[in-house]
């Protein structure tokens, strides 16, 4: 469910202003502009980032992506929990448990995502303008911060209800790619988080990305982090991975890390950060502990015996 700036959310207004102050092209890009002048470039679909506007109130595509992602993930999670075949017996949590958990995970995603963006992507700016931390409508969310917030929500709720943490995490991991896919599509509609300059036939000129054709990296991420990861985890769930708590969680963490690192090779780094050590980006660096954690969880899960579950009374 988490979705992400720097990690998948809308750029802050300050970042956009910084973007506009940069030179349109540098010397290395000028030759690319000349070379591409005679080549066809796909037009960027000019979609209004505001879906509906009524007076001072507006519904944006990015907000809609969060809402639809949470609701769709909720229904998919209920179907997973209700299927005893997937668990080898009754699930270790009930549908009612998950219904109660939705508000916890929603707060974890939003609070963690915003905190992560403030700390990892634009801390000096928010130190100077602390009130802007609360202006979520200006954009600025971090996927990795959302993951941290989700982990806190999972641990706290599992302890409160006496639910196995890894099993609850497995359900969340299985549905998370839905939100990631929708969030990246919203990034594309907003014309933000664009890719690096490119001469591929499907390169686009983004409204705020200068005159250089660029990779539509948002669509790459939507495909890898959303579609591919959703299919892989779904197949794992249907093949009995839920019988080993932690397998789906670890696979998600490792799979997302790989997908994100690959996508970062085509994505322009955040303007306020640029490239870091050795040409790495902040997104790549934040994926390192995520992938290591995924490997550790997978190792633990695969060395434990599959869980056999005794039938228990159904809700109602």
Foldseek 3Di string as FASTA:
>chain_A
DAAAVLGQKDDFPVLLVVLVPDPLDDPVCVVVLVVCVPPDEDEQPQDPQWPDDDPPDTHGLLNVLLVVLLVVLLVVLQVLQPDQVLQQAHQLDHNVLVVVLSVQLSCLNVVQFLVCQCPQPPVVVCVVVVVCSPVCVSMTTHRLSSVVSNLVSLVVSCVVVVGPSLLVLLSCLLSVLSSHLSSLVSCSNVQPQWWDADDPRHFYDGPSNHPGGAHRLSNLRSCQSHVVLNVVSVVCSNVRVSLQRQQNNLCSLQSNLVSQQVSNVTTAARPVFGADPPRHHSSNVSSVVSNVVSVVSNVVSVVDDGDNDDHDDHDD
